C-alpha atoms as a PDB file:
ATOM      1  CA  UNK A   1       0.000   0.000   0.000  1.00  0.00           C
ATOM      2  CA  UNK A   2       2.848   2.388   0.819  1.00  0.00           C
ATOM      3  CA  UNK A   3       4.389   1.665  -2.563  1.00  0.00           C
ATOM      4  CA  UNK A   4       1.206   2.766  -4.414  1.00  0.00           C
ATOM      5  CA  UNK A   5       0.984   5.945  -2.301  1.00  0.00           C
ATOM      6  CA  UNK A   6       4.631   6.837  -3.046  1.00  0.00           C
ATOM      7  CA  UNK A   7       4.121   6.247  -6.787  1.00  0.00           C
ATOM      8  CA  UNK A   8       0.957   8.385  -6.762  1.00  0.00           C
ATOM      9  CA  UNK A   9       2.721  11.279  -4.963  1.00  0.00           C
ATOM     10  CA  UNK A  10       5.668  11.121  -7.370  1.00  0.00           C
ATOM     11  CA  UNK A  11       3.266  11.111 -10.320  1.00  0.00           C
ATOM     12  CA  UNK A  12       1.531  14.229  -8.964  1.00  0.00           C
ATOM     13  CA  UNK A  13       4.855  16.001  -8.467  1.00  0.00           C
ATOM     14  CA  UNK A  14       5.862  15.025 -11.986  1.00  0.00           C
ATOM     15  CA  UNK A  15       2.629  16.471 -13.411  1.00  0.00           C
ATOM     16  CA  UNK A  16       3.011  19.632 -11.367  1.00  0.00           C
ATOM     17  CA  UNK A  17       6.512  20.134 -12.748  1.00  0.00           C
ATOM     18  CA  UNK A  18       5.202  19.993 -16.324  1.00  0.00           C
ATOM     19  CA  UNK A  19       3.948  23.205 -17.844  1.00  0.00           C
ATOM     20  CA  UNK A  20       5.421  26.600 -18.336  1.00  0.00           C
ATOM     21  CA  UNK A  21       9.153  26.790 -17.909  1.00  0.00           C
ATOM     22  CA  UNK A  22       9.285  30.517 -17.166  1.00  0.00           C
ATOM     23  CA  UNK A  23       6.611  32.760 -15.676  1.00  0.00           C
ATOM     24  CA  UNK A  24       4.937  35.129 -18.085  1.00  0.00           C
ATOM     25  CA  UNK A  25       5.777  38.786 -17.618  1.00  0.00           C
ATOM     26  CA  UNK A  26       3.152  41.134 -18.991  1.00  0.00           C
ATOM     27  CA  UNK A  27       2.171  44.643 -18.059  1.00  0.00           C
ATOM     28  CA  UNK A  28      -1.491  44.044 -18.860  1.00  0.00           C
ATOM     29  CA  UNK A  29      -3.944  44.003 -16.030  1.00  0.00           C
ATOM     30  CA  UNK A  30      -1.886  43.015 -12.985  1.00  0.00           C
ATOM     31  CA  UNK A  31       0.691  45.595 -12.015  1.00  0.00           C
ATOM     32  CA  UNK A  32       0.192  49.326 -12.295  1.00  0.00           C
ATOM     33  CA  UNK A  33       2.844  51.316 -14.111  1.00  0.00           C
ATOM     34  CA  UNK A  34       4.582  54.123 -12.259  1.00  0.00           C
ATOM     35  CA  UNK A  35       3.630  57.537 -13.599  1.00  0.00           C
ATOM     36  CA  UNK A  36       6.107  60.384 -13.477  1.00  0.00           C
ATOM     37  CA  UNK A  37       4.953  63.560 -11.757  1.00  0.00           C
ATOM     38  CA  UNK A  38       3.760  66.339 -14.041  1.00  0.00           C
ATOM     39  CA  UNK A  39       4.298  69.074 -11.433  1.00  0.00           C
ATOM     40  CA  UNK A  40       7.224  70.757 -13.191  1.00  0.00           C
ATOM     41  CA  UNK A  41       5.781  70.638 -16.710  1.00  0.00           C
ATOM     42  CA  UNK A  42       4.423  73.785 -18.383  1.00  0.00           C
ATOM     43  CA  UNK A  43       0.657  74.230 -18.526  1.00  0.00           C
ATOM     44  CA  UNK A  44      -1.288  75.352 -21.621  1.00  0.00           C
ATOM     45  CA  UNK A  45      -4.824  76.787 -21.757  1.00  0.00           C
ATOM     46  CA  UNK A  46      -7.683  76.201 -24.170  1.00  0.00           C
ATOM     47  CA  UNK A  47     -11.481  76.034 -24.435  1.00  0.00           C
ATOM     48  CA  UNK A  48     -13.722  73.232 -25.562  1.00  0.00           C
ATOM     49  CA  UNK A  49     -16.816  71.081 -25.202  1.00  0.00           C
ATOM     50  CA  UNK A  50     -16.905  67.759 -23.336  1.00  0.00           C
ATOM     51  CA  UNK A  51     -17.687  64.830 -25.620  1.00  0.00           C
ATOM     52  CA  UNK A  52     -17.330  61.912 -23.189  1.00  0.00           C
ATOM     53  CA  UNK A  53     -15.699  60.642 -20.016  1.00  0.00           C
ATOM     54  CA  UNK A  54     -14.638  56.993 -19.973  1.00  0.00           C
ATOM     55  CA  UNK A  55     -12.581  55.961 -16.968  1.00  0.00           C
ATOM     56  CA  UNK A  56      -9.708  58.426 -16.741  1.00  0.00           C
ATOM     57  CA  UNK A  57     -10.006  59.616 -20.346  1.00  0.00           C
ATOM     58  CA  UNK A  58     -11.924  62.847 -20.944  1.00  0.00           C
ATOM     59  CA  UNK A  59     -12.615  63.470 -24.632  1.00  0.00           C
ATOM     60  CA  UNK A  60     -12.908  67.119 -25.653  1.00  0.00           C
ATOM     61  CA  UNK A  61     -13.655  68.998 -28.855  1.00  0.00           C
ATOM     62  CA  UNK A  62     -11.254  71.891 -28.339  1.00  0.00           C
ATOM     63  CA  UNK A  63      -9.865  75.070 -29.897  1.00  0.00           C
ATOM     64  CA  UNK A  64      -6.270  73.858 -29.627  1.00  0.00           C
ATOM     65  CA  UNK A  65      -3.220  75.594 -28.219  1.00  0.00           C
ATOM     66  CA  UNK A  66      -0.592  76.864 -30.621  1.00  0.00           C
ATOM     67  CA  UNK A  67       2.016  77.212 -27.847  1.00  0.00           C
ATOM     68  CA  UNK A  68       1.728  73.466 -27.173  1.00  0.00           C
ATOM     69  CA  UNK A  69       1.557  72.503 -30.829  1.00  0.00           C
ATOM     70  CA  UNK A  70      -1.982  71.163 -30.346  1.00  0.00           C
ATOM     71  CA  UNK A  71      -4.244  71.714 -33.339  1.00  0.00           C
ATOM     72  CA  UNK A  72      -7.986  72.267 -32.892  1.00  0.00           C
ATOM     73  CA  UNK A  73      -9.974  69.049 -32.928  1.00  0.00           C
ATOM     74  CA  UNK A  74     -11.015  66.129 -30.728  1.00  0.00           C
ATOM     75  CA  UNK A  75      -8.528  64.573 -28.319  1.00  0.00           C
ATOM     76  CA  UNK A  76      -8.542  62.357 -25.255  1.00  0.00           C
ATOM     77  CA  UNK A  77      -6.971  63.793 -22.114  1.00  0.00           C
ATOM     78  CA  UNK A  78      -6.057  61.857 -18.965  1.00  0.00           C
ATOM     79  CA  UNK A  79      -7.900  63.367 -16.007  1.00  0.00           C
ATOM     80  CA  UNK A  80      -7.761  62.638 -12.291  1.00  0.00           C
ATOM     81  CA  UNK A  81     -10.487  62.808  -9.619  1.00  0.00           C
ATOM     82  CA  UNK A  82      -9.132  65.946  -7.934  1.00  0.00           C
ATOM     83  CA  UNK A  83      -9.621  67.884 -11.192  1.00  0.00           C
ATOM     84  CA  UNK A  84     -13.107  66.453 -11.786  1.00  0.00           C
ATOM     85  CA  UNK A  85     -14.332  67.170  -8.241  1.00  0.00           C
ATOM     86  CA  UNK A  86     -15.778  70.611  -8.993  1.00  0.00           C
ATOM     87  CA  UNK A  87     -15.992  70.550 -12.800  1.00  0.00           C
ATOM     88  CA  UNK A  88     -18.922  69.902 -15.104  1.00  0.00           C
ATOM     89  CA  UNK A  89     -18.441  66.508 -16.724  1.00  0.00           C
ATOM     90  CA  UNK A  90     -21.652  65.965 -18.650  1.00  0.00           C
ATOM     91  CA  UNK A  91     -21.357  65.642 -22.436  1.00  0.00           C
ATOM     92  CA  UNK A  92     -22.056  68.956 -24.132  1.00  0.00           C
ATOM     93  CA  UNK A  93     -20.715  71.082 -21.244  1.00  0.00           C
ATOM     94  CA  UNK A  94     -18.639  74.050 -22.374  1.00  0.00           C
ATOM     95  CA  UNK A  95     -15.367  74.215 -20.464  1.00  0.00           C
ATOM     96  CA  UNK A  96     -12.110  76.089 -20.224  1.00  0.00           C
ATOM     97  CA  UNK A  97      -9.162  73.945 -19.278  1.00  0.00           C
ATOM     98  CA  UNK A  98      -5.435  73.852 -18.693  1.00  0.00           C
ATOM     99  CA  UNK A  99      -3.436  70.826 -19.778  1.00  0.00           C
ATOM    100  CA  UNK A 100       0.090  69.469 -19.726  1.00  0.00           C
ATOM    101  CA  UNK A 101       1.983  67.364 -22.252  1.00  0.00           C
ATOM    102  CA  UNK A 102       3.397  64.360 -20.375  1.00  0.00           C
ATOM    103  CA  UNK A 103       5.319  61.322 -21.670  1.00  0.00           C
ATOM    104  CA  UNK A 104       2.075  59.325 -21.242  1.00  0.00           C
ATOM    105  CA  UNK A 105       0.018  61.836 -23.277  1.00  0.00           C
ATOM    106  CA  UNK A 106      -2.120  64.890 -22.620  1.00  0.00           C
ATOM    107  CA  UNK A 107      -3.236  65.484 -19.024  1.00  0.00           C
ATOM    108  CA  UNK A 108      -5.874  67.917 -17.731  1.00  0.00           C
ATOM    109  CA  UNK A 109      -4.461  70.134 -14.957  1.00  0.00           C
ATOM    110  CA  UNK A 110      -7.513  72.423 -14.458  1.00  0.00           C
ATOM    111  CA  UNK A 111     -11.094  72.222 -15.665  1.00  0.00           C
ATOM    112  CA  UNK A 112     -13.896  74.732 -15.219  1.00  0.00           C
ATOM    113  CA  UNK A 113     -17.275  75.686 -16.655  1.00  0.00           C
ATOM    114  CA  UNK A 114     -17.652  78.585 -19.056  1.00  0.00           C
ATOM    115  CA  UNK A 115     -20.792  80.297 -20.373  1.00  0.00           C
END
């Protein structure tokens, strides 16, 4: 009986050892990427209309900002909760905003309603 138990345990260890040889390393889903601070970056101002807000991406139809090299059009801007706390975020709202160009893309620094 002990012989059968030992063979069964060895078979289970053998099956457990089969499979992937190296763990997969992906940046999808699991670990969050570190984001560099945008505190020292210059801020640019523009006006626009909110199109949508999906997660952290606020889509705006905007007038552009020549100083930043941003042409008028529709762009997605990363936005954080502290900026959204007192701002209108319904589609169709007219807003004035300040943004920064970061290595990860455009980021809203200030957002406010306008008439």
